[in-house]
């Protein structure tokens, strides 16, 4: 999985990068077809950190964002939202395949 991290008015340190890699293991564990992940961390005028995550997997793009004063919580919540979206999409594909299999049997 390729990880691209950018910061706008937010410094990307090695600690931030390692934290992101640790959290994104959750996504790669759920779906092994994740090829590229873009993360943008932005400091907003209200002194909050906005984490925007865009992931490309298996011909689909997913985008989530979350805003919180603490950057760790912002990253964690954004990755959790992305995980939920990936699981929901995978469930749709499995349900569709099961439905097609049932109609072929009938």
N, C-alpha and C. Protein backbone atom coordinates (compact mmCIF):
# COMPACT_ATOMS: atom_id res chain seq x y z
N UNK A 1 0.85 -1.17 0.00
CA UNK A 1 0.00 0.00 0.00
C UNK A 1 0.90 1.23 0.00
N UNK A 2 0.62 2.12 -0.92
CA UNK A 2 1.37 3.37 -1.02
C UNK A 2 0.67 4.43 -0.18
N UNK A 3 1.43 5.12 0.66
CA UNK A 3 0.88 6.14 1.56
C UNK A 3 1.48 7.49 1.23
N UNK A 4 0.62 8.45 0.90
CA UNK A 4 1.05 9.82 0.64
C UNK A 4 0.45 10.72 1.72
N UNK A 5 1.30 11.45 2.44
CA UNK A 5 0.84 12.29 3.53
C UNK A 5 1.25 13.72 3.25
N UNK A 6 0.29 14.64 3.35
CA UNK A 6 0.56 16.06 3.15
C UNK A 6 0.01 16.84 4.32
N UNK A 7 0.62 17.97 4.60
CA UNK A 7 0.15 18.83 5.66
C UNK A 7 0.01 20.26 5.18
N UNK A 8 -1.10 20.86 5.50
CA UNK A 8 -1.33 22.27 5.15
C UNK A 8 -1.47 23.01 6.48
N UNK A 9 -0.50 23.85 6.80
CA UNK A 9 -0.41 24.53 8.10
C UNK A 9 -0.29 23.51 9.24
N UNK A 10 0.20 22.32 8.91
CA UNK A 10 0.38 21.26 9.89
C UNK A 10 1.66 20.52 9.53
N UNK A 11 2.58 20.41 10.49
CA UNK A 11 3.86 19.76 10.23
C UNK A 11 3.72 18.24 10.33
N UNK A 12 4.17 17.55 9.29
CA UNK A 12 4.13 16.09 9.27
C UNK A 12 5.46 15.58 9.82
N UNK A 13 5.42 15.08 11.03
CA UNK A 13 6.63 14.54 11.66
C UNK A 13 6.65 13.01 11.49
N UNK A 14 7.75 12.41 11.89
CA UNK A 14 7.86 10.96 11.82
C UNK A 14 6.82 10.30 12.74
N UNK A 15 6.53 10.94 13.86
CA UNK A 15 5.54 10.44 14.80
C UNK A 15 4.15 10.38 14.15
N UNK A 16 3.79 11.42 13.40
CA UNK A 16 2.50 11.46 12.71
C UNK A 16 2.45 10.36 11.65
N UNK A 17 3.52 10.23 10.89
CA UNK A 17 3.56 9.21 9.82
C UNK A 17 3.44 7.79 10.41
N UNK A 18 4.15 7.52 11.50
CA UNK A 18 4.07 6.20 12.13
C UNK A 18 2.67 5.93 12.69
N UNK A 19 2.06 6.96 13.28
CA UNK A 19 0.70 6.81 13.80
C UNK A 19 -0.27 6.48 12.67
N UNK A 20 -0.12 7.18 11.54
CA UNK A 20 -0.98 6.91 10.38
C UNK A 20 -0.80 5.49 9.87
N UNK A 21 0.44 5.06 9.74
CA UNK A 21 0.69 3.71 9.25
C UNK A 21 0.09 2.66 10.18
N UNK A 22 0.19 2.90 11.48
CA UNK A 22 -0.39 1.98 12.46
C UNK A 22 -1.91 1.91 12.30
N UNK A 23 -2.56 3.05 12.15
CA UNK A 23 -4.01 3.08 12.03
C UNK A 23 -4.48 2.50 10.70
N UNK A 24 -3.72 2.72 9.64
CA UNK A 24 -4.13 2.24 8.32
C UNK A 24 -3.95 0.73 8.17
N UNK A 25 -3.25 0.09 9.10
CA UNK A 25 -3.17 -1.37 9.07
C UNK A 25 -4.56 -1.97 9.21
N UNK A 26 -5.44 -1.26 9.90
CA UNK A 26 -6.81 -1.72 10.09
C UNK A 26 -7.52 -1.85 8.74
N UNK A 27 -7.26 -0.89 7.84
CA UNK A 27 -7.90 -0.92 6.52
C UNK A 27 -7.30 -2.03 5.67
N UNK A 28 -5.98 -2.15 5.66
CA UNK A 28 -5.35 -3.18 4.84
C UNK A 28 -5.67 -4.58 5.36
N UNK A 29 -5.97 -4.70 6.66
CA UNK A 29 -6.38 -5.99 7.20
C UNK A 29 -7.78 -6.35 6.72
N UNK A 30 -8.66 -5.35 6.65
CA UNK A 30 -10.04 -5.59 6.23
C UNK A 30 -10.12 -5.85 4.72
N UNK A 31 -9.31 -5.15 3.96
CA UNK A 31 -9.36 -5.27 2.50
C UNK A 31 -7.94 -5.22 1.98
N UNK A 32 -7.46 -6.32 1.40
CA UNK A 32 -6.07 -6.37 0.98
C UNK A 32 -5.83 -5.75 -0.40
N UNK A 33 -6.84 -5.21 -1.02
CA UNK A 33 -6.69 -4.63 -2.35
C UNK A 33 -6.50 -3.12 -2.32
N UNK A 34 -6.16 -2.56 -1.16
CA UNK A 34 -5.90 -1.12 -1.04
C UNK A 34 -4.55 -0.85 -1.70
N UNK A 35 -4.55 0.00 -2.74
CA UNK A 35 -3.32 0.27 -3.45
C UNK A 35 -2.69 1.60 -3.08
N UNK A 36 -3.52 2.60 -2.84
CA UNK A 36 -2.99 3.93 -2.56
C UNK A 36 -3.88 4.66 -1.57
N UNK A 37 -3.24 5.37 -0.64
CA UNK A 37 -3.97 6.15 0.35
C UNK A 37 -3.35 7.54 0.42
N UNK A 38 -4.17 8.57 0.26
CA UNK A 38 -3.73 9.96 0.39
C UNK A 38 -4.31 10.51 1.68
N UNK A 39 -3.48 11.18 2.46
CA UNK A 39 -3.93 11.79 3.71
C UNK A 39 -3.51 13.25 3.71
N UNK A 40 -4.47 14.13 3.97
CA UNK A 40 -4.20 15.56 4.07
C UNK A 40 -4.60 16.02 5.46
N UNK A 41 -3.64 16.57 6.19
CA UNK A 41 -3.90 17.11 7.52
C UNK A 41 -3.83 18.62 7.44
N UNK A 42 -4.90 19.30 7.84
CA UNK A 42 -5.00 20.74 7.72
C UNK A 42 -5.37 21.35 9.06
N UNK A 43 -4.72 22.43 9.39
CA UNK A 43 -5.07 23.20 10.60
C UNK A 43 -6.13 24.21 10.17
N UNK A 44 -7.31 24.17 10.77
CA UNK A 44 -8.40 25.07 10.39
C UNK A 44 -8.30 26.38 11.18
N UNK A 45 -9.01 27.42 10.74
CA UNK A 45 -8.99 28.70 11.47
C UNK A 45 -9.51 28.60 12.90
N UNK A 46 -10.33 27.59 13.18
CA UNK A 46 -10.86 27.42 14.54
C UNK A 46 -9.93 26.57 15.40
N UNK A 47 -8.68 26.43 14.95
CA UNK A 47 -7.63 25.70 15.67
C UNK A 47 -7.96 24.22 15.83
N UNK A 48 -8.60 23.65 14.84
CA UNK A 48 -8.89 22.22 14.81
C UNK A 48 -8.02 21.59 13.73
N UNK A 49 -7.83 20.30 13.81
CA UNK A 49 -7.08 19.57 12.79
C UNK A 49 -8.07 18.76 11.97
N UNK A 50 -8.10 19.02 10.66
CA UNK A 50 -8.97 18.27 9.77
C UNK A 50 -8.14 17.20 9.07
N UNK A 51 -8.58 15.98 9.16
CA UNK A 51 -7.92 14.87 8.50
C UNK A 51 -8.81 14.40 7.36
N UNK A 52 -8.29 14.49 6.14
CA UNK A 52 -9.01 14.01 4.96
C UNK A 52 -8.26 12.80 4.42
N UNK A 53 -8.98 11.72 4.20
CA UNK A 53 -8.36 10.49 3.71
C UNK A 53 -9.07 10.05 2.45
N UNK A 54 -8.28 9.78 1.43
CA UNK A 54 -8.81 9.26 0.17
C UNK A 54 -8.07 7.95 -0.11
N UNK A 55 -8.82 6.89 -0.30
CA UNK A 55 -8.22 5.57 -0.54
C UNK A 55 -8.72 5.01 -1.85
N UNK A 56 -7.81 4.36 -2.57
CA UNK A 56 -8.17 3.70 -3.83
C UNK A 56 -8.00 2.20 -3.64
N UNK A 57 -9.10 1.48 -3.86
CA UNK A 57 -9.01 0.03 -3.78
C UNK A 57 -9.97 -0.61 -4.76
N UNK A 58 -9.43 -1.57 -5.46
CA UNK A 58 -10.25 -2.41 -6.35
C UNK A 58 -11.22 -1.61 -7.22
N UNK A 59 -10.71 -0.64 -7.94
CA UNK A 59 -11.48 0.20 -8.87
C UNK A 59 -12.51 1.09 -8.18
N UNK A 60 -12.33 1.37 -6.92
CA UNK A 60 -13.23 2.25 -6.18
C UNK A 60 -12.41 3.27 -5.40
N UNK A 61 -12.94 4.48 -5.29
CA UNK A 61 -12.31 5.50 -4.47
C UNK A 61 -13.22 5.82 -3.30
N UNK A 62 -12.62 5.97 -2.14
CA UNK A 62 -13.35 6.31 -0.93
C UNK A 62 -12.76 7.57 -0.35
N UNK A 63 -13.62 8.47 0.13
CA UNK A 63 -13.16 9.72 0.73
C UNK A 63 -13.90 9.95 2.04
N UNK A 64 -13.13 10.29 3.08
CA UNK A 64 -13.71 10.64 4.38
C UNK A 64 -12.92 11.79 4.97
N UNK A 65 -13.55 12.50 5.89
CA UNK A 65 -12.84 13.56 6.60
C UNK A 65 -13.40 13.66 8.02
N UNK A 66 -12.55 14.16 8.90
CA UNK A 66 -12.97 14.35 10.28
C UNK A 66 -12.18 15.51 10.87
N UNK A 67 -12.84 16.27 11.73
CA UNK A 67 -12.23 17.46 12.33
C UNK A 67 -12.30 17.36 13.84
N UNK A 68 -11.16 17.62 14.50
CA UNK A 68 -11.09 17.55 15.96
C UNK A 68 -9.87 18.36 16.41
N UNK A 69 -9.89 18.92 17.62
CA UNK A 69 -8.72 19.67 18.10
C UNK A 69 -7.45 18.83 18.24
N UNK A 70 -7.59 17.54 18.58
CA UNK A 70 -6.44 16.66 18.74
C UNK A 70 -6.19 15.91 17.44
N UNK A 71 -4.96 15.96 16.92
CA UNK A 71 -4.68 15.34 15.63
C UNK A 71 -4.79 13.82 15.67
N UNK A 72 -4.49 13.21 16.81
CA UNK A 72 -4.58 11.76 16.90
C UNK A 72 -6.04 11.30 16.82
N UNK A 73 -6.92 12.01 17.49
CA UNK A 73 -8.35 11.66 17.44
C UNK A 73 -8.90 11.91 16.04
N UNK A 74 -8.46 12.99 15.41
CA UNK A 74 -8.90 13.30 14.06
C UNK A 74 -8.51 12.18 13.09
N UNK A 75 -7.27 11.71 13.17
CA UNK A 75 -6.81 10.62 12.31
C UNK A 75 -7.56 9.33 12.62
N UNK A 76 -7.69 9.01 13.90
CA UNK A 76 -8.35 7.77 14.31
C UNK A 76 -9.80 7.73 13.83
N UNK A 77 -10.53 8.81 14.02
CA UNK A 77 -11.94 8.84 13.60
C UNK A 77 -12.08 8.78 12.08
N UNK A 78 -11.19 9.46 11.36
CA UNK A 78 -11.25 9.42 9.89
C UNK A 78 -10.97 8.00 9.39
N UNK A 79 -9.98 7.34 9.96
CA UNK A 79 -9.67 5.97 9.54
C UNK A 79 -10.81 5.02 9.91
N UNK A 80 -11.44 5.23 11.06
CA UNK A 80 -12.59 4.40 11.44
C UNK A 80 -13.75 4.59 10.45
N UNK A 81 -13.99 5.83 10.03
CA UNK A 81 -15.03 6.08 9.03
C UNK A 81 -14.70 5.37 7.71
N UNK A 82 -13.43 5.45 7.32
CA UNK A 82 -13.00 4.79 6.08
C UNK A 82 -13.18 3.27 6.21
N UNK A 83 -12.82 2.73 7.33
CA UNK A 83 -12.98 1.29 7.56
C UNK A 83 -14.44 0.88 7.44
N UNK A 84 -15.34 1.66 8.03
CA UNK A 84 -16.77 1.36 7.94
C UNK A 84 -17.26 1.41 6.50
N UNK A 85 -16.78 2.40 5.73
CA UNK A 85 -17.19 2.49 4.32
C UNK A 85 -16.70 1.30 3.52
N UNK A 86 -15.46 0.89 3.75
CA UNK A 86 -14.89 -0.25 3.02
C UNK A 86 -15.65 -1.52 3.35
N UNK A 87 -15.95 -1.73 4.61
CA UNK A 87 -16.69 -2.93 5.03
C UNK A 87 -18.09 -2.92 4.42
N UNK A 88 -18.74 -1.77 4.42
CA UNK A 88 -20.09 -1.65 3.85
C UNK A 88 -20.07 -1.96 2.36
N UNK A 89 -19.08 -1.45 1.65
CA UNK A 89 -18.97 -1.69 0.20
C UNK A 89 -18.69 -3.17 -0.08
N UNK A 90 -17.82 -3.76 0.72
CA UNK A 90 -17.51 -5.18 0.53
C UNK A 90 -18.75 -6.03 0.78
N UNK A 91 -19.54 -5.66 1.79
CA UNK A 91 -20.76 -6.40 2.10
C UNK A 91 -21.75 -6.30 0.94
N UNK A 92 -21.83 -5.11 0.31
CA UNK A 92 -22.71 -4.95 -0.85
C UNK A 92 -22.30 -5.89 -1.97
N UNK A 93 -20.99 -5.98 -2.23
CA UNK A 93 -20.51 -6.84 -3.31
C UNK A 93 -20.80 -8.30 -3.02
N UNK A 94 -20.61 -8.72 -1.77
CA UNK A 94 -20.89 -10.11 -1.40
C UNK A 94 -22.38 -10.39 -1.54
N UNK A 95 -23.23 -9.48 -1.07
CA UNK A 95 -24.67 -9.67 -1.19
C UNK A 95 -25.10 -9.75 -2.65
N UNK A 96 -24.48 -8.94 -3.49
CA UNK A 96 -24.82 -8.95 -4.92
C UNK A 96 -24.43 -10.29 -5.54
N UNK A 97 -23.23 -10.80 -5.19
CA UNK A 97 -22.81 -12.09 -5.73
C UNK A 97 -23.71 -13.22 -5.24
N UNK A 98 -24.12 -13.17 -3.98
CA UNK A 98 -25.02 -14.19 -3.45
C UNK A 98 -26.37 -14.15 -4.15
N UNK A 99 -26.87 -12.95 -4.39
CA UNK A 99 -28.16 -12.79 -5.08
C UNK A 99 -28.07 -13.34 -6.50
N UNK A 100 -26.97 -13.05 -7.20
CA UNK A 100 -26.79 -13.57 -8.56
C UNK A 100 -26.70 -15.09 -8.55
N UNK A 101 -26.03 -15.65 -7.56
CA UNK A 101 -25.89 -17.11 -7.47
C UNK A 101 -27.24 -17.75 -7.21
N UNK A 102 -28.06 -17.12 -6.38
CA UNK A 102 -29.38 -17.67 -6.09
C UNK A 102 -30.28 -17.65 -7.32
N UNK A 103 -30.20 -16.57 -8.11
CA UNK A 103 -31.06 -16.49 -9.30
C UNK A 103 -30.60 -17.49 -10.36
N UNK A 104 -29.32 -17.80 -10.41
CA UNK A 104 -28.83 -18.79 -11.40
C UNK A 104 -29.30 -20.19 -11.02
N UNK A 105 -29.39 -20.48 -9.72
CA UNK A 105 -29.86 -21.80 -9.27
C UNK A 105 -31.34 -22.00 -9.54
N UNK A 106 -32.10 -20.93 -9.48
CA UNK A 106 -33.54 -21.06 -9.61
C UNK A 106 -33.99 -21.25 -11.03
